[in-house]
Protein backbone atom coordinates (compact mmCIF):
# COMPACT_ATOMS: atom_id res chain seq x y z
CA MET A 1 22.96 -11.80 64.66
CA GLU A 2 21.74 -10.59 68.17
CA GLY A 3 25.57 -9.54 68.93
CA THR A 4 25.33 -7.46 65.71
CA VAL A 5 22.12 -5.94 66.53
CA SER A 6 23.25 -4.81 69.91
CA LEU A 7 26.61 -3.77 68.64
CA LEU A 8 24.82 -1.22 66.15
CA ALA A 9 22.36 -0.16 68.99
CA GLY A 10 25.47 1.16 70.77
CA LEU A 11 26.78 3.22 67.97
CA PRO A 12 26.08 7.06 68.19
CA LEU A 13 25.66 7.32 64.40
CA ALA A 14 22.95 6.01 62.17
CA ALA A 15 24.22 2.58 60.82
CA VAL A 16 23.17 -0.30 58.86
CA LEU A 17 24.87 -3.53 57.98
CA VAL A 18 24.35 -4.88 54.48
CA GLY A 19 24.94 -8.55 54.26
CA PRO A 20 26.60 -10.73 51.25
CA ASP A 21 23.36 -10.90 49.53
CA ALA A 22 22.84 -7.23 49.44
CA ARG A 23 20.13 -7.04 51.92
CA ILE A 24 20.28 -4.86 55.10
CA VAL A 25 20.44 -7.50 57.82
CA ALA A 26 20.42 -5.02 60.88
CA ALA A 27 19.87 -1.33 61.65
CA ASN A 28 20.04 0.75 64.69
CA ALA A 29 17.21 3.12 65.76
CA ALA A 30 18.82 6.10 64.34
CA ALA A 31 19.12 4.27 60.89
CA ARG A 32 15.45 3.24 61.00
CA ASP A 33 14.58 6.73 61.71
CA MET A 34 16.23 8.18 58.86
CA LEU A 35 15.79 5.37 56.13
CA GLY A 36 12.40 3.86 57.45
CA GLN A 37 11.14 1.62 60.23
CA ALA A 38 11.06 -1.41 57.90
CA VAL A 39 14.31 -1.24 56.54
CA GLU A 40 15.65 -4.36 57.69
CA GLY A 41 15.27 -7.14 55.22
CA ARG A 42 15.21 -4.74 52.26
CA HIS A 43 17.83 -4.81 49.29
CA PHE A 44 20.08 -1.75 50.04
CA LEU A 45 19.36 -0.39 46.61
CA THR A 46 15.73 0.30 47.69
CA ALA A 47 16.72 1.96 50.98
CA MET A 48 19.53 4.10 49.84
CA ARG A 49 19.06 5.09 46.30
CA GLN A 50 21.83 7.55 45.57
CA PRO A 51 24.16 6.25 42.81
CA ASP A 52 27.32 7.27 44.69
CA LEU A 53 26.56 5.42 47.93
CA ARG A 54 25.31 2.38 45.79
CA ALA A 55 28.71 2.20 44.00
CA ALA A 56 30.56 2.82 47.16
CA ILE A 57 28.96 -0.31 48.61
CA GLU A 58 29.32 -2.38 45.90
CA ALA A 59 33.06 -1.57 45.43
CA THR A 60 33.80 -1.92 49.19
CA ALA A 61 32.01 -5.40 49.15
CA GLY A 62 34.36 -6.28 46.30
CA ASP A 63 37.62 -5.06 47.49
CA GLY A 64 37.23 -4.25 51.24
CA THR A 65 38.62 -0.90 50.80
CA VAL A 66 36.95 1.85 53.29
CA ARG A 67 35.29 4.77 51.41
CA THR A 68 33.57 8.09 52.43
CA ILE A 69 31.15 9.90 50.27
CA THR A 70 28.41 12.70 50.95
CA TYR A 71 24.98 11.49 51.09
CA GLN A 72 21.83 13.52 50.82
CA ALA A 73 18.54 12.74 52.62
CA ALA A 74 15.42 14.21 53.65
CA LYS A 75 14.95 14.55 57.55
CA ASP A 76 12.00 16.09 59.10
CA GLY A 77 10.85 17.68 56.00
CA ARG A 78 14.08 19.44 55.08
CA ASP A 79 17.29 18.39 53.30
CA SER A 80 20.15 16.88 55.35
CA THR A 81 23.63 16.33 54.61
CA TYR A 82 25.50 13.19 55.91
CA ARG A 83 28.87 11.70 55.49
CA ALA A 84 28.51 7.98 54.71
CA HIS A 85 31.46 5.84 56.01
CA VAL A 86 31.48 2.48 54.09
CA ALA A 87 33.66 -0.36 55.55
CA ALA A 88 33.89 -4.10 54.93
CA VAL A 89 33.15 -6.09 58.27
CA THR A 90 32.96 -9.78 59.11
CA VAL A 91 30.02 -10.58 61.35
CA ALA A 92 31.04 -14.07 62.50
CA ALA A 93 34.06 -16.25 62.11
CA GLY A 94 33.98 -18.16 58.82
CA ALA A 95 31.09 -16.09 57.50
CA ALA A 96 31.29 -14.07 54.16
CA PRO A 97 32.03 -10.18 54.87
CA GLY A 98 29.34 -7.67 55.13
CA VAL A 99 29.50 -3.96 54.47
CA LEU A 100 28.79 -1.53 57.56
CA VAL A 101 27.50 1.74 56.45
CA SER A 102 27.37 4.62 59.03
CA PHE A 103 25.92 8.23 58.59
CA GLU A 104 27.66 11.26 60.14
CA ASP A 105 24.97 14.05 60.34
CA LEU A 106 26.74 17.15 59.03
CA THR A 107 23.53 19.24 58.54
CA GLU A 108 24.21 21.67 61.33
CA ARG A 109 27.94 22.08 60.30
CA GLU A 110 26.79 22.81 56.78
CA GLN A 111 24.26 25.22 57.83
CA ALA A 112 26.78 27.12 60.26
CA ALA A 113 29.28 27.19 57.35
CA GLN A 114 26.60 28.63 55.17
CA MET A 115 25.62 31.32 57.73
CA ARG A 116 29.09 32.42 58.00
CA ARG A 117 29.17 32.82 54.25
CA ASP A 118 26.03 34.53 54.14
CA PHE A 119 27.15 36.93 57.03
CA VAL A 120 30.21 37.86 55.42
CA ALA A 121 28.56 38.45 52.10
CA ASN A 122 25.81 40.66 53.70
CA VAL A 123 28.45 42.60 55.88
CA SER A 124 30.48 43.21 52.71
CA HIS A 125 27.35 44.53 50.66
CA GLU A 126 26.20 46.77 53.55
CA LEU A 127 29.49 48.40 53.67
CA ARG A 128 30.32 48.59 49.93
CA THR A 129 27.51 51.22 49.35
CA PRO A 130 28.53 53.67 51.94
CA LEU A 131 32.25 53.07 51.07
CA THR A 132 31.78 53.63 47.44
CA SER A 133 29.77 56.91 48.09
CA LEU A 134 32.58 58.27 50.26
CA MET A 135 35.32 57.39 48.07
CA GLY A 136 33.54 59.13 45.02
CA PHE A 137 32.86 62.06 47.13
CA ILE A 138 36.29 62.37 48.13
CA GLU A 139 37.67 62.21 44.57
CA THR A 140 35.21 64.90 43.81
CA LEU A 141 36.00 67.07 46.30
CA GLN A 142 39.98 66.58 45.62
CA GLY A 143 39.18 67.42 41.97
CA PRO A 144 36.37 69.12 40.16
CA ALA A 145 34.62 70.61 43.44
CA ARG A 146 37.80 71.53 45.13
CA ARG A 147 36.80 75.25 45.34
CA ASP A 148 33.02 74.99 45.09
CA GLU A 149 31.87 75.71 48.46
CA ALA A 150 28.26 74.83 47.83
CA ALA A 151 29.18 71.31 46.33
CA MET A 152 31.44 70.97 49.27
CA ASP A 153 28.73 71.69 52.00
CA ARG A 154 26.36 69.19 50.23
CA PHE A 155 28.98 66.49 49.78
CA LEU A 156 30.19 66.61 53.20
CA GLY A 157 26.76 66.29 54.54
CA ILE A 158 26.07 63.14 52.57
CA MET A 159 29.60 61.87 53.69
CA ALA A 160 28.70 62.32 57.41
CA ARG A 161 25.51 60.40 56.80
CA GLU A 162 27.27 57.42 55.13
CA ALA A 163 29.85 57.29 57.80
CA ALA A 164 27.18 57.42 60.50
CA ARG A 165 25.41 54.71 58.64
CA MET A 166 28.78 52.49 58.79
CA GLU A 167 29.29 53.46 62.33
CA ARG A 168 25.64 52.10 63.35
CA LEU A 169 26.34 48.89 61.50
CA VAL A 170 29.65 48.45 63.22
CA HIS A 171 28.12 48.98 66.48
CA ASP A 172 25.41 46.56 65.88
CA LEU A 173 27.78 43.83 64.76
CA LEU A 174 30.02 44.29 68.03
CA SER A 175 26.58 44.29 69.96
CA LEU A 176 25.50 41.07 68.14
CA SER A 177 28.76 39.36 68.63
CA ARG A 178 28.69 40.40 72.45
CA VAL A 179 25.16 39.20 73.04
CA GLU A 180 25.82 35.75 71.25
CA GLY A 181 28.83 35.31 73.40
CA GLU A 182 26.75 35.89 76.61
CA GLU A 183 23.68 33.81 75.43
CA ARG A 184 24.44 30.84 77.48
CA VAL A 185 25.21 32.83 80.63
CA ARG A 186 21.72 33.49 82.28
CA PRO A 187 21.54 36.96 83.99
CA ARG A 188 20.25 36.73 87.74
CA GLU A 189 19.86 40.23 88.97
CA PRO A 190 16.42 41.65 89.58
CA VAL A 191 15.23 44.07 87.11
CA ASP A 192 12.10 46.15 87.17
CA LEU A 193 10.55 46.09 83.76
CA ALA A 194 8.35 49.08 84.58
CA ALA A 195 11.17 51.23 85.11
CA VAL A 196 12.97 50.02 82.18
CA MET A 197 10.04 50.93 80.00
CA GLY A 198 9.63 54.34 81.73
CA THR A 199 13.26 55.05 80.55
CA VAL A 200 12.57 53.84 76.96
CA VAL A 201 9.43 55.90 76.57
CA THR A 202 11.09 58.98 77.89
CA MET A 203 14.06 58.61 75.47
CA LEU A 204 11.85 57.87 72.47
CA ARG A 205 9.04 60.54 73.15
CA PRO A 206 10.87 63.25 71.13
CA LEU A 207 11.08 60.97 68.27
CA ALA A 208 7.48 60.02 68.68
CA ARG A 209 6.30 63.78 68.57
CA GLU A 210 8.80 64.63 65.51
CA ARG A 211 6.75 61.65 63.55
CA GLY A 212 3.30 62.65 64.85
CA CYS A 213 2.96 59.37 66.52
CA GLY A 214 1.34 58.73 69.99
CA LEU A 215 3.09 56.95 72.38
CA ARG A 216 1.13 55.38 75.28
CA PHE A 217 2.41 53.68 78.43
CA GLU A 218 0.69 53.53 81.71
CA PRO A 219 3.25 52.58 84.61
CA GLY A 220 1.88 50.25 87.16
CA GLY A 221 3.65 48.59 90.04
CA ALA A 222 6.99 47.01 89.87
CA CYS A 223 7.45 44.14 87.66
CA LEU A 224 10.55 42.18 88.54
CA VAL A 225 12.35 39.76 86.22
CA PRO A 226 15.89 38.23 86.25
CA GLY A 227 18.06 39.97 83.75
CA ASN A 228 20.29 42.58 82.38
CA ALA A 229 18.86 46.01 82.72
CA ASP A 230 21.17 47.62 79.83
CA GLN A 231 20.46 44.60 77.58
CA LEU A 232 16.43 44.78 78.23
CA GLN A 233 16.57 48.34 77.58
CA GLN A 234 18.41 47.51 74.33
CA VAL A 235 15.59 45.14 73.53
CA PHE A 236 12.68 47.54 74.08
CA THR A 237 14.41 50.53 72.68
CA ASN A 238 14.54 48.65 69.52
CA LEU A 239 10.97 47.46 69.45
CA VAL A 240 9.40 50.87 70.46
CA GLU A 241 11.54 52.72 67.91
CA ASN A 242 10.65 50.41 65.09
CA ALA A 243 7.02 50.71 66.02
CA VAL A 244 7.38 54.51 65.91
CA LYS A 245 9.53 54.78 62.60
CA TYR A 246 7.63 52.32 60.53
CA GLY A 247 4.18 52.75 61.88
CA GLY A 248 3.33 55.33 58.94
CA ASP A 249 0.84 58.27 59.24
CA ASP A 250 -1.74 58.38 62.07
CA ASN A 251 0.38 56.06 64.12
CA SER A 252 -0.06 55.36 67.72
CA VAL A 253 1.93 52.96 69.95
CA GLU A 254 0.50 51.38 73.08
CA ILE A 255 2.93 49.55 75.47
CA THR A 256 1.60 47.13 78.16
CA LEU A 257 2.97 45.01 80.92
CA ALA A 258 0.94 42.17 82.05
CA PRO A 259 1.66 39.18 84.71
CA HIS A 260 0.94 35.99 83.77
CA PRO A 261 0.74 33.79 86.96
CA ASP A 262 1.20 30.42 84.87
CA ASP A 263 2.37 31.25 81.36
CA ALA A 264 1.75 28.48 78.89
CA THR A 265 4.86 29.29 76.90
CA LEU A 266 7.36 29.24 79.58
CA ARG A 267 5.38 27.14 82.10
CA MET A 268 6.14 29.21 85.03
CA PRO A 269 5.10 32.67 86.14
CA ALA A 270 6.08 35.39 83.66
CA ILE A 271 5.83 39.03 82.62
CA ALA A 272 4.47 39.96 79.03
CA VAL A 273 5.55 43.25 77.43
CA THR A 274 3.61 44.11 74.35
CA VAL A 275 4.52 46.79 71.79
CA ARG A 276 1.41 47.49 69.55
CA ASP A 277 1.40 49.84 66.70
CA ARG A 278 -1.25 51.14 64.20
CA GLY A 279 0.86 50.86 61.26
CA PRO A 280 0.42 49.21 57.91
CA GLY A 281 1.41 45.92 59.33
CA ILE A 282 3.65 43.18 57.94
CA ASP A 283 2.65 40.29 55.47
CA PRO A 284 2.71 37.09 57.47
CA LEU A 285 4.96 35.71 54.91
CA HIS A 286 7.84 37.97 56.22
CA ILE A 287 7.45 37.17 60.01
CA PRO A 288 9.11 33.85 60.41
CA ARG A 289 12.28 35.63 59.10
CA LEU A 290 11.90 38.99 60.87
CA THR A 291 14.88 37.94 63.31
CA GLU A 292 17.26 36.91 60.59
CA ARG A 293 20.43 38.99 60.35
CA PHE A 294 20.16 41.57 57.80
CA TYR A 295 16.48 40.45 56.62
CA ARG A 296 14.36 43.44 55.72
CA VAL A 297 10.69 43.82 54.58
CA ASP A 298 11.55 46.86 52.63
CA THR A 299 15.16 47.30 52.24
CA HIS A 300 15.13 50.77 50.88
CA ARG A 301 12.79 52.33 53.50
CA SER A 302 15.01 50.55 56.16
CA ARG A 303 18.06 52.00 55.08
CA GLU A 304 16.35 55.74 54.84
CA MET A 305 15.24 55.34 58.31
CA GLY A 306 18.86 54.33 59.39
CA GLY A 307 18.29 50.59 60.08
CA THR A 308 21.12 48.24 59.82
CA GLY A 309 18.91 45.01 59.47
CA LEU A 310 20.35 43.43 62.79
CA GLY A 311 18.07 45.09 65.51
CA LEU A 312 15.48 42.15 65.62
CA ALA A 313 18.43 39.67 65.35
CA ILE A 314 20.06 41.33 68.54
CA VAL A 315 16.59 41.38 70.22
CA LYS A 316 16.07 37.63 69.57
CA HIS A 317 19.58 36.67 71.03
CA ILE A 318 19.04 38.78 74.17
CA VAL A 319 15.48 37.46 74.85
CA ASN A 320 17.00 33.94 74.36
CA ARG A 321 19.55 34.81 77.01
CA HIS A 322 16.88 35.83 79.45
CA ARG A 323 15.12 32.55 78.79
CA GLY A 324 12.14 34.25 77.32
CA ARG A 325 10.27 34.07 74.28
CA LEU A 326 9.65 36.73 71.40
CA ARG A 327 6.25 36.57 69.63
CA ILE A 328 5.20 38.59 66.54
CA ALA A 329 1.83 38.97 65.10
CA SER A 330 0.88 41.17 62.20
CA GLU A 331 -1.46 41.59 59.16
CA PRO A 332 -1.36 44.17 56.33
CA GLY A 333 -3.52 47.08 57.43
CA GLN A 334 -4.01 45.73 60.94
CA GLY A 335 -0.81 46.96 62.58
CA SER A 336 1.94 44.89 64.44
CA THR A 337 2.34 43.35 67.81
CA PHE A 338 5.59 42.48 69.39
CA SER A 339 5.34 40.61 72.59
CA VAL A 340 8.29 39.72 74.82
CA ILE A 341 7.58 37.03 77.64
CA LEU A 342 10.06 36.87 80.49
CA PRO A 343 10.32 34.78 83.58
CA ARG A 344 9.09 36.47 86.75
CA TRP A 345 11.65 37.22 89.39
CA ASP A 346 11.02 34.49 92.11
CA GLY A 347 13.25 36.17 94.68
């Protein structure tokens, strides 16, 4: 039996050995984490209750045929999917055969497949509306409104807006694909965050004036971080633009840079950039999902503002590439605070 236990311990998958008496005679650490620490010695029916797995174990014990089924279990408070391999084995010469059950965790693979399906569905949905509008207006201009100059001017304006919306979506999709591809490559050039923020504020000040929004940034000394200047500018342009656009009436946006000699989050010297608005705020229920692709708190308003639902997803990937952290805090009526914490340049 000691040899069996040692063999199971060397397997990379969760595995249990069911003896001829239908009791679990051995389990490795991964299986105990999955099925319970006291799983050894129990009847397999009490540890693995799913009917398909029970039937597979009983059938393999009878005819020795290898079987594979899908097994669902709860792990760390969430549902997990496994491929269970069931095979007859002989523990020792002359002994009755047992059944070895090993579990291949497919959860991440299933989640990735679901993300791809959701992504395709979301992109299709986002493109369908402007495409339908364009096709409808083209048919109208080719038919009833062929010689109606007033209708033509109005329809062409709408078509231009819908085409611009599709262009923004394609641009953001390409940007998201690019930053995902580079996420594992850490940038190492020194970038002055104060200079980046100065450029962002200069670019967005006309938009802030147009919306009657105050935009305050007090540049200090150089704040160097290892990074990619263009990508960091993209991050802070997105955050400041969102704060200006969605802050509502009588809004003001404050941007601060603060050095953290020993940041508790990164466990190293860091610089925190904070973008704070005085807008209507966000229900905390939405905050964990804000960086998901195409997730919107207010879908209609976001589209009216020209949003694609990808901005914060791009921000998250860029910040991850820079080994930083994105923190979001908000309450209804109290405004919103977006903080990006980045490692400080160490020369």
